[in-house]
């Protein structure tokens, strides 16, 4: 069985810093977040671009975040903030994958997302 089977993820905030209102509403309903009550945990990871953050989360928590293809060269994969909840982890655990902190693809002058 694929570890990411039963995993649901959504882009919470896009690369321009826009909150995904409709996406998070669907996510909350799809993963039945209301059933968690106040018993939940939130895990996130931050670090430089192309350092393996998404890969680490996928391996530790069975999430389905998009991973960089090293054979195609180093490039930005995660833009903004992604949120996931996977079946089988108790208490209810929400996992957040954050855009790389040095954003090479954005250029040196575009640090708007990093500073939010």
N, C-alpha and C. Protein backbone atom coordinates (compact mmCIF):
# COMPACT_ATOMS: atom_id res chain seq x y z
N UNK A 1 0.84 -1.19 0.00
CA UNK A 1 0.00 0.00 0.00
C UNK A 1 0.88 1.25 0.00
N UNK A 2 0.55 2.20 -0.83
CA UNK A 2 1.25 3.48 -0.91
C UNK A 2 1.00 4.24 0.39
N UNK A 3 2.08 4.76 1.02
CA UNK A 3 1.93 5.49 2.27
C UNK A 3 1.04 6.71 2.13
N UNK A 4 1.01 7.32 0.94
CA UNK A 4 0.22 8.54 0.76
C UNK A 4 -1.25 8.24 0.45
N UNK A 5 -1.61 6.96 0.37
CA UNK A 5 -3.01 6.61 0.11
C UNK A 5 -3.84 7.10 1.30
N UNK A 6 -4.92 7.78 1.03
CA UNK A 6 -5.75 8.32 2.09
C UNK A 6 -5.31 9.70 2.54
N UNK A 7 -4.31 10.25 1.87
CA UNK A 7 -3.81 11.58 2.22
C UNK A 7 -4.56 12.62 1.39
N UNK A 8 -4.85 13.73 2.02
CA UNK A 8 -5.53 14.83 1.33
C UNK A 8 -4.71 16.09 1.58
N UNK A 9 -4.41 16.83 0.51
CA UNK A 9 -3.64 18.06 0.68
C UNK A 9 -4.27 19.19 -0.12
N UNK A 10 -3.92 20.41 0.28
CA UNK A 10 -4.44 21.61 -0.37
C UNK A 10 -3.39 22.71 -0.28
N UNK A 11 -3.37 23.58 -1.28
CA UNK A 11 -2.49 24.74 -1.20
C UNK A 11 -3.20 25.79 -0.35
N UNK A 12 -2.68 26.02 0.84
CA UNK A 12 -3.28 26.94 1.80
C UNK A 12 -3.07 28.40 1.38
N UNK A 13 -1.83 28.71 1.00
CA UNK A 13 -1.48 30.06 0.56
C UNK A 13 -0.64 29.90 -0.71
N UNK A 14 -0.99 30.63 -1.76
CA UNK A 14 -0.25 30.47 -3.01
C UNK A 14 1.06 31.26 -2.98
N UNK A 15 1.84 31.14 -4.03
CA UNK A 15 3.14 31.78 -4.10
C UNK A 15 3.11 33.29 -4.05
N UNK A 16 1.94 33.89 -4.27
CA UNK A 16 1.79 35.34 -4.19
C UNK A 16 1.26 35.79 -2.84
N UNK A 17 1.07 34.84 -1.92
CA UNK A 17 0.60 35.17 -0.58
C UNK A 17 -0.91 35.24 -0.45
N UNK A 18 -1.65 34.71 -1.43
CA UNK A 18 -3.12 34.75 -1.41
C UNK A 18 -3.66 33.51 -0.72
N UNK A 19 -4.50 33.71 0.30
CA UNK A 19 -5.12 32.63 1.06
C UNK A 19 -6.19 31.96 0.22
N UNK A 20 -6.17 30.64 0.17
CA UNK A 20 -7.09 29.84 -0.65
C UNK A 20 -8.36 29.52 0.16
N UNK A 21 -9.28 30.46 0.24
CA UNK A 21 -10.48 30.32 1.06
C UNK A 21 -11.32 29.12 0.64
N UNK A 22 -11.66 29.01 -0.63
CA UNK A 22 -12.53 27.91 -1.06
C UNK A 22 -11.82 26.57 -0.92
N UNK A 23 -10.53 26.53 -1.21
CA UNK A 23 -9.77 25.29 -1.09
C UNK A 23 -9.71 24.78 0.33
N UNK A 24 -9.51 25.68 1.30
CA UNK A 24 -9.42 25.25 2.70
C UNK A 24 -10.79 24.82 3.21
N UNK A 25 -11.86 25.47 2.74
CA UNK A 25 -13.21 25.05 3.13
C UNK A 25 -13.48 23.62 2.67
N UNK A 26 -13.13 23.30 1.44
CA UNK A 26 -13.30 21.93 0.93
C UNK A 26 -12.42 20.95 1.69
N UNK A 27 -11.19 21.35 1.98
CA UNK A 27 -10.25 20.50 2.71
C UNK A 27 -10.81 20.15 4.09
N UNK A 28 -11.31 21.15 4.80
CA UNK A 28 -11.86 20.93 6.15
C UNK A 28 -12.99 19.92 6.11
N UNK A 29 -13.85 20.02 5.10
CA UNK A 29 -14.96 19.07 4.96
C UNK A 29 -14.46 17.69 4.54
N UNK A 30 -13.55 17.65 3.57
CA UNK A 30 -13.04 16.37 3.05
C UNK A 30 -12.34 15.54 4.11
N UNK A 31 -11.54 16.18 4.96
CA UNK A 31 -10.78 15.44 5.97
C UNK A 31 -11.51 15.36 7.31
N UNK A 32 -12.74 15.91 7.34
CA UNK A 32 -13.56 15.89 8.56
C UNK A 32 -12.80 16.48 9.76
N UNK A 33 -12.22 17.63 9.54
CA UNK A 33 -11.42 18.29 10.56
C UNK A 33 -12.22 18.61 11.82
N UNK A 34 -13.51 18.87 11.65
CA UNK A 34 -14.36 19.17 12.79
C UNK A 34 -14.43 18.03 13.80
N UNK A 35 -14.23 16.80 13.34
CA UNK A 35 -14.28 15.64 14.23
C UNK A 35 -13.06 15.55 15.14
N UNK A 36 -12.01 16.29 14.83
CA UNK A 36 -10.79 16.27 15.65
C UNK A 36 -10.98 17.02 16.96
N UNK A 37 -11.93 17.93 16.98
CA UNK A 37 -12.12 18.75 18.17
C UNK A 37 -10.87 19.56 18.45
N UNK A 38 -10.47 19.59 19.72
CA UNK A 38 -9.28 20.34 20.11
C UNK A 38 -8.04 19.45 20.20
N UNK A 39 -8.19 18.19 19.85
CA UNK A 39 -7.08 17.25 19.93
C UNK A 39 -6.41 17.09 18.57
N UNK A 40 -5.45 17.95 18.28
CA UNK A 40 -4.74 17.88 17.01
C UNK A 40 -3.33 18.44 17.18
N UNK A 41 -2.48 18.12 16.23
CA UNK A 41 -1.11 18.62 16.21
C UNK A 41 -0.84 19.23 14.84
N UNK A 42 0.04 20.21 14.80
CA UNK A 42 0.45 20.84 13.54
C UNK A 42 1.97 20.73 13.46
N UNK A 43 2.44 20.21 12.34
CA UNK A 43 3.88 20.06 12.09
C UNK A 43 4.20 20.81 10.81
N UNK A 44 5.27 21.59 10.82
CA UNK A 44 5.69 22.26 9.59
C UNK A 44 7.20 22.18 9.48
N UNK A 45 7.68 22.49 8.29
CA UNK A 45 9.11 22.46 8.05
C UNK A 45 9.47 23.67 7.20
N UNK A 46 10.61 24.29 7.56
CA UNK A 46 11.10 25.38 6.72
C UNK A 46 12.60 25.24 6.56
N UNK A 47 13.09 25.75 5.46
CA UNK A 47 14.51 25.67 5.17
C UNK A 47 14.76 26.16 3.76
N UNK A 48 16.01 26.08 3.32
CA UNK A 48 16.34 26.58 1.99
C UNK A 48 15.69 25.78 0.88
N UNK A 49 15.53 26.43 -0.25
CA UNK A 49 14.96 25.78 -1.44
C UNK A 49 15.80 24.56 -1.82
N UNK A 50 15.11 23.51 -2.26
CA UNK A 50 15.75 22.28 -2.77
C UNK A 50 16.56 21.54 -1.71
N UNK A 51 16.16 21.65 -0.44
CA UNK A 51 16.90 20.96 0.62
C UNK A 51 16.24 19.66 1.06
N UNK A 52 15.11 19.29 0.44
CA UNK A 52 14.47 18.01 0.74
C UNK A 52 13.33 18.08 1.75
N UNK A 53 12.77 19.26 1.97
CA UNK A 53 11.69 19.41 2.94
C UNK A 53 10.47 18.56 2.59
N UNK A 54 10.01 18.65 1.36
CA UNK A 54 8.82 17.89 0.93
C UNK A 54 9.09 16.38 1.00
N UNK A 55 10.27 15.97 0.58
CA UNK A 55 10.63 14.55 0.61
C UNK A 55 10.64 14.03 2.04
N UNK A 56 11.20 14.81 2.96
CA UNK A 56 11.24 14.40 4.37
C UNK A 56 9.83 14.24 4.93
N UNK A 57 8.96 15.22 4.68
CA UNK A 57 7.58 15.14 5.17
C UNK A 57 6.86 13.94 4.57
N UNK A 58 7.04 13.71 3.28
CA UNK A 58 6.39 12.57 2.63
C UNK A 58 6.82 11.26 3.27
N UNK A 59 8.10 11.15 3.60
CA UNK A 59 8.60 9.91 4.19
C UNK A 59 8.22 9.75 5.65
N UNK A 60 8.19 10.83 6.40
CA UNK A 60 7.84 10.75 7.82
C UNK A 60 6.35 10.60 8.06
N UNK A 61 5.54 11.32 7.29
CA UNK A 61 4.11 11.39 7.58
C UNK A 61 3.22 10.77 6.51
N UNK A 62 3.81 10.28 5.43
CA UNK A 62 3.00 9.69 4.35
C UNK A 62 2.20 10.72 3.59
N UNK A 63 2.68 11.96 3.56
CA UNK A 63 1.99 13.01 2.81
C UNK A 63 2.26 12.83 1.32
N UNK A 64 1.59 13.63 0.51
CA UNK A 64 1.74 13.51 -0.94
C UNK A 64 2.19 14.82 -1.58
N UNK A 65 3.07 15.56 -0.87
CA UNK A 65 3.57 16.82 -1.41
C UNK A 65 4.45 16.54 -2.63
N UNK A 66 4.38 17.43 -3.63
CA UNK A 66 5.17 17.28 -4.84
C UNK A 66 6.66 17.41 -4.48
N UNK A 67 7.46 16.53 -5.05
CA UNK A 67 8.90 16.53 -4.79
C UNK A 67 9.67 16.95 -6.03
N UNK A 68 10.83 17.55 -5.80
CA UNK A 68 11.69 17.96 -6.90
C UNK A 68 12.26 16.73 -7.60
N UNK A 69 12.38 16.80 -8.91
CA UNK A 69 13.02 15.75 -9.69
C UNK A 69 14.48 16.15 -9.89
N UNK A 70 15.39 15.55 -9.11
CA UNK A 70 16.80 15.92 -9.15
C UNK A 70 17.43 15.69 -10.51
N UNK A 71 16.86 14.77 -11.30
CA UNK A 71 17.40 14.50 -12.62
C UNK A 71 17.14 15.67 -13.58
N UNK A 72 16.16 16.50 -13.26
CA UNK A 72 15.86 17.67 -14.09
C UNK A 72 16.59 18.91 -13.59
N UNK A 73 17.36 18.77 -12.52
CA UNK A 73 18.09 19.89 -11.95
C UNK A 73 17.34 20.49 -10.78
N UNK A 74 18.05 21.26 -9.99
CA UNK A 74 17.44 21.89 -8.82
C UNK A 74 16.52 23.02 -9.26
N UNK A 75 15.33 23.01 -8.71
CA UNK A 75 14.37 24.05 -9.05
C UNK A 75 13.33 24.15 -7.94
N UNK A 76 12.60 25.23 -7.95
CA UNK A 76 11.56 25.43 -6.95
C UNK A 76 10.39 24.50 -7.25
N UNK A 77 9.97 23.76 -6.23
CA UNK A 77 8.84 22.84 -6.38
C UNK A 77 7.65 23.36 -5.59
N UNK A 78 7.85 23.65 -4.31
CA UNK A 78 6.77 24.14 -3.45
C UNK A 78 6.67 25.65 -3.56
N UNK A 79 5.47 26.12 -3.85
CA UNK A 79 5.22 27.56 -3.86
C UNK A 79 4.15 27.85 -2.83
N UNK A 80 4.40 28.81 -1.97
CA UNK A 80 3.45 29.14 -0.92
C UNK A 80 3.50 28.13 0.21
N UNK A 81 2.32 27.80 0.74
CA UNK A 81 2.20 26.84 1.85
C UNK A 81 1.17 25.79 1.48
N UNK A 82 1.55 24.53 1.63
CA UNK A 82 0.65 23.39 1.40
C UNK A 82 0.33 22.75 2.74
N UNK A 83 -0.89 22.26 2.87
CA UNK A 83 -1.38 21.64 4.10
C UNK A 83 -1.91 20.26 3.78
N UNK A 84 -1.60 19.28 4.62
CA UNK A 84 -2.09 17.91 4.39
C UNK A 84 -2.51 17.26 5.70
N UNK A 85 -3.43 16.34 5.57
CA UNK A 85 -3.80 15.45 6.67
C UNK A 85 -3.87 14.05 6.10
N UNK A 86 -3.22 13.13 6.78
CA UNK A 86 -3.20 11.75 6.30
C UNK A 86 -3.91 10.84 7.28
N UNK A 87 -4.58 9.84 6.73
CA UNK A 87 -5.30 8.87 7.55
C UNK A 87 -4.30 8.04 8.35
N UNK A 88 -4.71 7.63 9.53
CA UNK A 88 -3.92 6.71 10.32
C UNK A 88 -2.94 7.34 11.29
N UNK A 89 -2.86 8.66 11.35
CA UNK A 89 -1.97 9.31 12.32
C UNK A 89 -2.85 9.95 13.39
N UNK A 90 -2.67 9.49 14.62
CA UNK A 90 -3.44 10.03 15.74
C UNK A 90 -2.48 10.59 16.78
N UNK A 91 -2.80 11.69 17.47
CA UNK A 91 -4.01 12.46 17.24
C UNK A 91 -3.98 13.08 15.85
N UNK A 92 -5.09 13.67 15.48
CA UNK A 92 -5.20 14.33 14.18
C UNK A 92 -3.96 15.21 13.97
N UNK A 93 -3.23 14.95 12.88
CA UNK A 93 -2.00 15.69 12.62
C UNK A 93 -2.09 16.38 11.26
N UNK A 94 -1.90 17.69 11.28
CA UNK A 94 -1.86 18.49 10.06
C UNK A 94 -0.40 18.79 9.76
N UNK A 95 -0.01 18.60 8.52
CA UNK A 95 1.38 18.78 8.11
C UNK A 95 1.44 19.91 7.09
N UNK A 96 2.34 20.87 7.33
CA UNK A 96 2.48 22.02 6.45
C UNK A 96 3.84 21.99 5.76
N UNK A 97 3.83 22.13 4.45
CA UNK A 97 5.05 22.19 3.65
C UNK A 97 5.21 23.63 3.18
N UNK A 98 6.30 24.27 3.57
CA UNK A 98 6.52 25.68 3.28
C UNK A 98 7.48 25.87 2.11
N UNK A 99 7.26 26.93 1.38
CA UNK A 99 8.17 27.32 0.30
C UNK A 99 9.57 27.55 0.86
N UNK A 100 10.59 27.22 0.07
CA UNK A 100 11.98 27.43 0.48
C UNK A 100 12.26 28.87 0.87
N UNK A 101 13.12 29.03 1.87
CA UNK A 101 13.36 30.37 2.42
C UNK A 101 14.24 31.25 1.54
N UNK A 102 14.98 30.66 0.60
CA UNK A 102 15.85 31.51 -0.20
C UNK A 102 15.33 31.76 -1.61
N UNK A 103 14.25 31.10 -2.01
CA UNK A 103 13.54 31.34 -3.26
C UNK A 103 14.36 31.80 -4.44
N UNK A 104 15.33 31.01 -4.89
CA UNK A 104 16.19 31.40 -6.01
C UNK A 104 15.41 31.77 -7.26
N UNK A 105 14.33 31.06 -7.54
CA UNK A 105 13.54 31.33 -8.75
C UNK A 105 12.86 32.70 -8.68
N UNK A 106 12.62 33.18 -7.47
CA UNK A 106 11.96 34.48 -7.31
C UNK A 106 12.93 35.63 -7.54
N UNK A 107 14.22 35.39 -7.43
CA UNK A 107 15.21 36.45 -7.58
C UNK A 107 15.51 37.10 -6.25
N UNK A 108 16.61 37.79 -6.17
CA UNK A 108 17.05 38.39 -4.91
C UNK A 108 16.12 39.48 -4.42
N UNK A 109 15.46 40.19 -5.32
CA UNK A 109 14.62 41.31 -4.92
C UNK A 109 13.21 40.91 -4.53
N UNK A 110 12.82 39.68 -4.80
CA UNK A 110 11.45 39.25 -4.50
C UNK A 110 11.44 38.39 -3.25
N UNK A 111 11.34 39.04 -2.11
CA UNK A 111 11.28 38.32 -0.83
C UNK A 111 9.94 38.54 -0.15
N UNK A 112 8.94 38.97 -0.91
CA UNK A 112 7.63 39.29 -0.33
C UNK A 112 7.03 38.11 0.41
N UNK A 113 7.10 36.91 -0.18
CA UNK A 113 6.51 35.75 0.47
C UNK A 113 7.29 35.38 1.72
N UNK A 114 8.62 35.42 1.64
CA UNK A 114 9.46 35.03 2.77
C UNK A 114 9.23 35.91 3.98
N UNK A 115 8.91 37.18 3.77
CA UNK A 115 8.77 38.12 4.87
C UNK A 115 7.39 38.11 5.51
N UNK A 116 6.46 37.34 4.96
CA UNK A 116 5.10 37.31 5.52
C UNK A 116 5.04 36.43 6.74
